[in-house]
Amino acid sequence: QMQLVESGGGLVQPGGSLRLSCAAFGSIFNLYDMGWYRQAPGKQRELVASITSGGSADYADSVEGRFTISRDNAKNTVYLQMNSLKPEDTAVYSCNARLANILYWGQGTQVTVSS
């Protein structure tokens, strides 16, 4: 069993930055592929960025060059550094952990980009 706890969301002006954290508890973190997803009101959840257990990262086209995903296996934590934020980045951001057919989700953290 794994518990995921996100933090770091909040209100930021357009062009600003935030760093989200997702701390994992209760399992062997470094075996899991990790992902950040977001869901805006009235829209489907979408994958923002992912990082494999080996450290390979991938990004949605909409955030490529602005967001960076990273992981610290010593701290059992995955991060999402978000720069040059836009109003359309406003959403609830959630992390997940995947190992084969095992999947865990965090509860999410709200990110609002507004002036």
N, C-alpha and C. Protein backbone atom coordinates (compact mmCIF):
# COMPACT_ATOMS: atom_id res chain seq x y z
N GLN A 1 0.84 -1.18 0.00
CA GLN A 1 0.00 0.00 0.00
C GLN A 1 0.88 1.24 0.00
N MET A 2 0.45 2.26 -0.74
CA MET A 2 1.20 3.50 -0.81
C MET A 2 0.24 4.66 -0.63
N GLN A 3 0.66 5.65 0.14
CA GLN A 3 -0.09 6.89 0.28
C GLN A 3 0.71 8.01 -0.37
N LEU A 4 0.01 8.84 -1.16
CA LEU A 4 0.64 9.96 -1.84
C LEU A 4 0.03 11.26 -1.32
N VAL A 5 0.88 12.21 -0.96
CA VAL A 5 0.41 13.48 -0.40
C VAL A 5 1.04 14.62 -1.19
N GLU A 6 0.17 15.38 -1.90
CA GLU A 6 0.65 16.51 -2.68
C GLU A 6 0.66 17.79 -1.85
N SER A 7 1.53 18.70 -2.22
CA SER A 7 1.58 20.02 -1.59
C SER A 7 2.19 21.00 -2.58
N GLY A 8 2.06 22.29 -2.26
CA GLY A 8 2.70 23.32 -3.06
C GLY A 8 1.79 24.10 -3.98
N GLY A 9 0.52 23.72 -4.04
CA GLY A 9 -0.41 24.47 -4.87
C GLY A 9 -0.73 25.83 -4.29
N GLY A 10 -1.45 26.64 -5.07
CA GLY A 10 -1.82 27.95 -4.58
C GLY A 10 -2.22 28.87 -5.71
N LEU A 11 -2.30 30.15 -5.39
CA LEU A 11 -2.65 31.18 -6.36
C LEU A 11 -1.38 31.88 -6.82
N VAL A 12 -1.23 32.02 -8.13
CA VAL A 12 -0.05 32.66 -8.68
C VAL A 12 -0.47 33.50 -9.88
N GLN A 13 0.24 34.57 -10.12
CA GLN A 13 -0.06 35.42 -11.27
C GLN A 13 0.47 34.80 -12.55
N PRO A 14 -0.13 35.14 -13.68
CA PRO A 14 0.42 34.67 -14.97
C PRO A 14 1.89 35.03 -15.10
N GLY A 15 2.66 34.08 -15.61
CA GLY A 15 4.10 34.26 -15.71
C GLY A 15 4.87 33.81 -14.50
N GLY A 16 4.17 33.51 -13.43
CA GLY A 16 4.82 33.09 -12.19
C GLY A 16 5.19 31.62 -12.18
N SER A 17 5.71 31.19 -11.03
CA SER A 17 6.18 29.81 -10.87
C SER A 17 5.64 29.20 -9.59
N LEU A 18 5.51 27.90 -9.61
CA LEU A 18 5.18 27.10 -8.44
C LEU A 18 5.94 25.78 -8.53
N ARG A 19 6.22 25.21 -7.37
CA ARG A 19 6.77 23.86 -7.34
C ARG A 19 5.85 22.97 -6.52
N LEU A 20 5.34 21.95 -7.17
CA LEU A 20 4.50 20.96 -6.49
C LEU A 20 5.37 19.81 -6.00
N SER A 21 4.99 19.27 -4.86
CA SER A 21 5.67 18.10 -4.31
C SER A 21 4.64 17.00 -4.08
N CYS A 22 5.09 15.78 -4.25
CA CYS A 22 4.25 14.61 -3.96
C CYS A 22 5.10 13.63 -3.15
N ALA A 23 4.77 13.52 -1.88
CA ALA A 23 5.51 12.64 -0.99
C ALA A 23 4.82 11.28 -0.91
N ALA A 24 5.61 10.22 -1.00
CA ALA A 24 5.08 8.86 -0.97
C ALA A 24 5.42 8.19 0.35
N PHE A 25 4.43 7.46 0.87
CA PHE A 25 4.60 6.75 2.14
C PHE A 25 4.13 5.32 1.99
N GLY A 26 4.90 4.39 2.56
CA GLY A 26 4.39 3.05 2.75
C GLY A 26 4.79 2.01 1.73
N SER A 27 5.60 2.35 0.73
CA SER A 27 6.02 1.33 -0.22
C SER A 27 7.38 1.69 -0.77
N ILE A 28 7.87 0.89 -1.70
CA ILE A 28 9.22 1.10 -2.23
C ILE A 28 9.13 2.09 -3.39
N PHE A 29 9.30 3.35 -3.06
CA PHE A 29 9.06 4.44 -4.00
C PHE A 29 9.87 4.29 -5.28
N ASN A 30 11.14 3.90 -5.18
CA ASN A 30 11.99 3.96 -6.35
C ASN A 30 11.65 2.90 -7.40
N LEU A 31 10.72 2.01 -7.10
CA LEU A 31 10.30 1.03 -8.09
C LEU A 31 9.19 1.56 -8.99
N TYR A 32 8.55 2.64 -8.57
CA TYR A 32 7.35 3.13 -9.24
C TYR A 32 7.66 4.18 -10.29
N ASP A 33 6.94 4.11 -11.41
CA ASP A 33 6.85 5.23 -12.32
C ASP A 33 5.87 6.24 -11.73
N MET A 34 6.20 7.52 -11.86
CA MET A 34 5.38 8.56 -11.25
C MET A 34 4.84 9.51 -12.31
N GLY A 35 3.65 10.04 -12.04
CA GLY A 35 3.06 10.97 -12.99
C GLY A 35 2.33 12.10 -12.30
N TRP A 36 2.29 13.23 -12.97
CA TRP A 36 1.46 14.37 -12.54
C TRP A 36 0.35 14.53 -13.56
N TYR A 37 -0.88 14.62 -13.05
CA TYR A 37 -2.06 14.83 -13.87
C TYR A 37 -2.74 16.11 -13.40
N ARG A 38 -3.60 16.63 -14.26
CA ARG A 38 -4.40 17.78 -13.84
C ARG A 38 -5.80 17.67 -14.43
N GLN A 39 -6.73 18.27 -13.71
CA GLN A 39 -8.11 18.31 -14.18
C GLN A 39 -8.68 19.69 -13.91
N ALA A 40 -9.08 20.35 -14.97
CA ALA A 40 -9.72 21.66 -14.87
C ALA A 40 -11.23 21.46 -14.83
N PRO A 41 -11.98 22.41 -14.29
CA PRO A 41 -13.44 22.28 -14.23
C PRO A 41 -14.03 22.04 -15.61
N GLY A 42 -14.86 21.01 -15.70
CA GLY A 42 -15.53 20.71 -16.95
C GLY A 42 -14.68 20.02 -17.99
N LYS A 43 -13.45 19.66 -17.62
CA LYS A 43 -12.55 19.01 -18.58
C LYS A 43 -12.11 17.66 -18.04
N GLN A 44 -11.64 16.82 -18.96
CA GLN A 44 -11.13 15.52 -18.56
C GLN A 44 -9.74 15.66 -17.93
N ARG A 45 -9.43 14.70 -17.08
CA ARG A 45 -8.10 14.68 -16.49
C ARG A 45 -7.08 14.40 -17.59
N GLU A 46 -5.95 15.09 -17.53
CA GLU A 46 -4.91 14.90 -18.54
C GLU A 46 -3.56 14.70 -17.87
N LEU A 47 -2.73 13.91 -18.54
CA LEU A 47 -1.37 13.69 -18.06
C LEU A 47 -0.53 14.92 -18.40
N VAL A 48 0.14 15.45 -17.40
CA VAL A 48 0.99 16.62 -17.58
C VAL A 48 2.44 16.21 -17.80
N ALA A 49 2.93 15.34 -16.92
CA ALA A 49 4.33 14.91 -17.00
C ALA A 49 4.46 13.58 -16.29
N SER A 50 5.44 12.81 -16.72
CA SER A 50 5.70 11.52 -16.08
C SER A 50 7.20 11.29 -16.00
N ILE A 51 7.58 10.45 -15.06
CA ILE A 51 8.99 10.10 -14.91
C ILE A 51 9.05 8.63 -14.51
N THR A 52 9.89 7.89 -15.20
CA THR A 52 9.99 6.46 -14.92
C THR A 52 10.83 6.21 -13.67
N SER A 53 10.83 4.97 -13.23
CA SER A 53 11.67 4.60 -12.09
C SER A 53 13.14 4.85 -12.40
N GLY A 54 13.50 4.80 -13.67
CA GLY A 54 14.88 5.04 -14.08
C GLY A 54 15.21 6.49 -14.33
N GLY A 55 14.20 7.37 -14.23
CA GLY A 55 14.45 8.80 -14.34
C GLY A 55 14.17 9.42 -15.70
N SER A 56 13.58 8.68 -16.62
CA SER A 56 13.23 9.24 -17.94
C SER A 56 11.93 10.02 -17.83
N ALA A 57 11.94 11.25 -18.34
CA ALA A 57 10.79 12.14 -18.22
C ALA A 57 10.10 12.35 -19.56
N ASP A 58 8.82 12.62 -19.49
CA ASP A 58 8.02 12.92 -20.67
C ASP A 58 7.00 13.98 -20.29
N TYR A 59 6.59 14.79 -21.29
CA TYR A 59 5.72 15.93 -21.01
C TYR A 59 4.61 16.05 -22.05
N ALA A 60 3.49 16.59 -21.61
CA ALA A 60 2.45 16.99 -22.55
C ALA A 60 2.96 18.17 -23.37
N ASP A 61 2.50 18.25 -24.61
CA ASP A 61 2.94 19.34 -25.49
C ASP A 61 2.64 20.71 -24.88
N SER A 62 1.54 20.79 -24.15
CA SER A 62 1.10 22.08 -23.61
C SER A 62 2.02 22.63 -22.52
N VAL A 63 2.87 21.77 -21.94
CA VAL A 63 3.74 22.23 -20.85
C VAL A 63 5.21 22.05 -21.18
N GLU A 64 5.51 21.44 -22.31
CA GLU A 64 6.90 21.20 -22.71
C GLU A 64 7.68 22.52 -22.69
N GLY A 65 8.84 22.51 -22.04
CA GLY A 65 9.66 23.71 -21.96
C GLY A 65 9.33 24.63 -20.81
N ARG A 66 8.18 24.41 -20.17
CA ARG A 66 7.79 25.26 -19.04
C ARG A 66 7.80 24.49 -17.72
N PHE A 67 7.45 23.22 -17.77
CA PHE A 67 7.37 22.39 -16.57
C PHE A 67 8.53 21.39 -16.56
N THR A 68 8.98 21.04 -15.36
CA THR A 68 10.02 20.03 -15.19
C THR A 68 9.62 19.08 -14.08
N ILE A 69 9.61 17.80 -14.41
CA ILE A 69 9.34 16.78 -13.40
C ILE A 69 10.67 16.19 -12.94
N SER A 70 10.76 15.90 -11.65
CA SER A 70 11.97 15.29 -11.11
C SER A 70 11.59 14.43 -9.92
N ARG A 71 12.50 13.59 -9.50
CA ARG A 71 12.23 12.74 -8.34
C ARG A 71 13.48 12.65 -7.48
N ASP A 72 13.26 12.54 -6.19
CA ASP A 72 14.32 12.33 -5.22
C ASP A 72 13.99 11.04 -4.48
N ASN A 73 14.61 9.96 -4.88
CA ASN A 73 14.30 8.66 -4.29
C ASN A 73 14.70 8.59 -2.82
N ALA A 74 15.68 9.36 -2.41
CA ALA A 74 16.09 9.38 -1.00
C ALA A 74 15.01 9.99 -0.12
N LYS A 75 14.21 10.90 -0.71
CA LYS A 75 13.15 11.57 0.04
C LYS A 75 11.77 11.01 -0.32
N ASN A 76 11.72 10.00 -1.19
CA ASN A 76 10.43 9.42 -1.61
C ASN A 76 9.48 10.49 -2.13
N THR A 77 10.00 11.38 -2.94
CA THR A 77 9.22 12.54 -3.39
C THR A 77 9.44 12.79 -4.88
N VAL A 78 8.35 13.15 -5.55
CA VAL A 78 8.41 13.60 -6.93
C VAL A 78 7.97 15.06 -6.96
N TYR A 79 8.60 15.83 -7.83
CA TYR A 79 8.35 17.26 -7.91
C TYR A 79 7.86 17.65 -9.30
N LEU A 80 7.14 18.75 -9.35
CA LEU A 80 6.77 19.35 -10.63
C LEU A 80 7.06 20.84 -10.52
N GLN A 81 8.13 21.27 -11.17
CA GLN A 81 8.47 22.69 -11.23
C GLN A 81 7.71 23.31 -12.40
N MET A 82 6.90 24.30 -12.10
CA MET A 82 6.06 24.92 -13.13
C MET A 82 6.46 26.39 -13.28
N ASN A 83 6.95 26.74 -14.45
CA ASN A 83 7.36 28.11 -14.75
C ASN A 83 6.49 28.69 -15.86
N SER A 84 6.54 30.00 -15.98
CA SER A 84 5.78 30.70 -17.04
C SER A 84 4.33 30.25 -17.04
N LEU A 85 3.73 30.24 -15.87
CA LEU A 85 2.36 29.73 -15.75
C LEU A 85 1.36 30.61 -16.49
N LYS A 86 0.34 29.95 -17.02
CA LYS A 86 -0.71 30.60 -17.79
C LYS A 86 -2.06 30.34 -17.12
N PRO A 87 -3.04 31.19 -17.37
CA PRO A 87 -4.36 30.94 -16.80
C PRO A 87 -4.92 29.55 -17.15
N GLU A 88 -4.59 29.07 -18.32
CA GLU A 88 -5.08 27.74 -18.73
C GLU A 88 -4.40 26.59 -17.98
N ASP A 89 -3.41 26.88 -17.17
CA ASP A 89 -2.81 25.86 -16.32
C ASP A 89 -3.61 25.66 -15.03
N THR A 90 -4.61 26.48 -14.81
CA THR A 90 -5.45 26.36 -13.61
C THR A 90 -6.15 25.01 -13.59
N ALA A 91 -5.97 24.27 -12.50
CA ALA A 91 -6.55 22.93 -12.38
C ALA A 91 -6.21 22.36 -11.01
N VAL A 92 -6.81 21.23 -10.72
CA VAL A 92 -6.36 20.41 -9.58
C VAL A 92 -5.30 19.45 -10.11
N TYR A 93 -4.14 19.50 -9.49
CA TYR A 93 -3.01 18.66 -9.90
C TYR A 93 -2.88 17.49 -8.93
N SER A 94 -2.78 16.28 -9.50
CA SER A 94 -2.67 15.07 -8.70
C SER A 94 -1.48 14.26 -9.18
N CYS A 95 -0.86 13.56 -8.25
CA CYS A 95 0.21 12.67 -8.66
C CYS A 95 -0.28 11.23 -8.56
N ASN A 96 0.34 10.36 -9.36
CA ASN A 96 0.07 8.94 -9.23
C ASN A 96 1.35 8.15 -9.30
N ALA A 97 1.25 6.94 -8.79
CA ALA A 97 2.37 6.01 -8.78
C ALA A 97 1.91 4.72 -9.43
N ARG A 98 2.72 4.23 -10.38
CA ARG A 98 2.33 3.03 -11.13
C ARG A 98 3.46 2.01 -11.11
N LEU A 99 3.05 0.75 -10.81
CA LEU A 99 3.98 -0.38 -10.90
C LEU A 99 3.19 -1.55 -11.44
N ALA A 100 3.46 -1.92 -12.68
CA ALA A 100 2.68 -2.95 -13.38
C ALA A 100 1.21 -2.52 -13.35
N ASN A 101 0.32 -3.35 -12.79
CA ASN A 101 -1.10 -2.99 -12.77
C ASN A 101 -1.52 -2.39 -11.43
N ILE A 102 -0.55 -1.98 -10.63
CA ILE A 102 -0.83 -1.33 -9.35
C ILE A 102 -0.78 0.18 -9.57
N LEU A 103 -1.80 0.87 -9.08
CA LEU A 103 -1.89 2.32 -9.29
C LEU A 103 -2.40 2.99 -8.03
N TYR A 104 -1.70 4.03 -7.60
CA TYR A 104 -2.11 4.83 -6.46
C TYR A 104 -2.24 6.29 -6.88
N TRP A 105 -3.18 6.98 -6.21
CA TRP A 105 -3.42 8.40 -6.50
C TRP A 105 -3.34 9.21 -5.21
N GLY A 106 -2.86 10.44 -5.35
CA GLY A 106 -2.95 11.40 -4.26
C GLY A 106 -4.29 12.12 -4.32
N GLN A 107 -4.50 13.01 -3.34
CA GLN A 107 -5.80 13.67 -3.24
C GLN A 107 -5.87 14.94 -4.09
N GLY A 108 -4.74 15.45 -4.52
CA GLY A 108 -4.71 16.61 -5.40
C GLY A 108 -4.44 17.90 -4.66
N THR A 109 -3.92 18.87 -5.42
CA THR A 109 -3.69 20.21 -4.89
C THR A 109 -4.10 21.23 -5.96
N GLN A 110 -4.76 22.28 -5.51
CA GLN A 110 -5.31 23.27 -6.45
C GLN A 110 -4.23 24.26 -6.87
N VAL A 111 -4.15 24.48 -8.18
CA VAL A 111 -3.30 25.52 -8.74
C VAL A 111 -4.19 26.50 -9.49
N THR A 112 -4.12 27.77 -9.12
CA THR A 112 -4.91 28.80 -9.77
C THR A 112 -3.97 29.87 -10.31
N VAL A 113 -4.06 30.12 -11.60
CA VAL A 113 -3.23 31.14 -12.24
C VAL A 113 -4.14 32.29 -12.66
N SER A 114 -4.01 33.39 -11.97
CA SER A 114 -4.91 34.52 -12.20
C SER A 114 -4.27 35.81 -11.72
N SER A 115 -4.61 36.89 -12.39
CA SER A 115 -4.14 38.21 -11.95
C SER A 115 -5.20 38.86 -11.05
